[in-house]
């Protein structure tokens, strides 16, 4: 047991009893707890766009055993996502995706400013479905290939990457990341903010791409493109490349080590945590003969994809970390 088990213990026990009674399984992934997507008994494909609502100002000790029956009372739920803290309280907001636009509209009409408790009126409105992140404060030395490789290891659903010189910071770069869905983007935002990818130093920031910022970046891109003769602007978005294999990354790392008069790195990886959905947290340490200290860190890796094992993915992250360290030294 940990100290977090004692926080809102009664509420957590009531949630577990509700799950068992109704045969419902909630899956937590990187701070989001999921119901459905699709739910049991669902037939057909996912609902169309515009069927998700945003729910805010929730009391932190309220869970799905209260919220799901409430929001199911006005329409058929396809998915419900509650944002969670490390301590097991909710973060005050959630997303409910309905089978139809009509159901979603009914939820907004019924529950916006609904008194969930006395003096506690919740907010329910259309979800903006943001899918783009802006990452600022990246090292000026970071290349498009390196950034894509790091993103592919521990984030899902990324569609394109725009990398350009930062208009606000000297000796820094800025990246715009476009994801397949809001859920993928939100999970990536959390992973990036926790530093799993080690994209930069303490000055790195990850935010949702604001429409005003997006417009300014597009104007800068157009201006930059108009000055480029016979070439491409670095700010042009491009689809993600094929993920780098462990062999390719290690070959690159060995070349860099030889340039620094270092010998072949030795990798140690260990799985230290497993989520019910198959994500695994790995600790890694790399010892480079000739380098003054071992280099270590943690990373989350997703379920197997394209024949690459989780152990290999963890080694790719470790190798990219070493490349970044040696590039900065």
Foldseek 3Di string as FASTA:
>chain_A
DDPLCPPLVVLVVVVVVLCVVVVWDWFDDLQKIKGAPAHPPDDDDAADPFQKKKKFQDDFSHDCSLVVVVLPVQAAWGMKIFGADPSGTTPGMIMTGGNYNVSLVRSQVPQAQNCPDVVGRMHMGTDPWFFKKKKWFFALPDDPLLVLQLCVFAAPFWWKKFKDCDPVDPRIIMMMIGGPTSVRRVSSQSQVVVCQLVRDDPPMDMDGCDPVNVVVLVVVLVVQQVPDDPDHHSRDMDTRDDHDFLVVLQVVLQVLCVVVVWHRKDKDKDFDDATPQGKTKIKMWIDIHPDDDIDIDIHIGHPDDPPQHNVRSVSSSVSSVVVVVSVVD
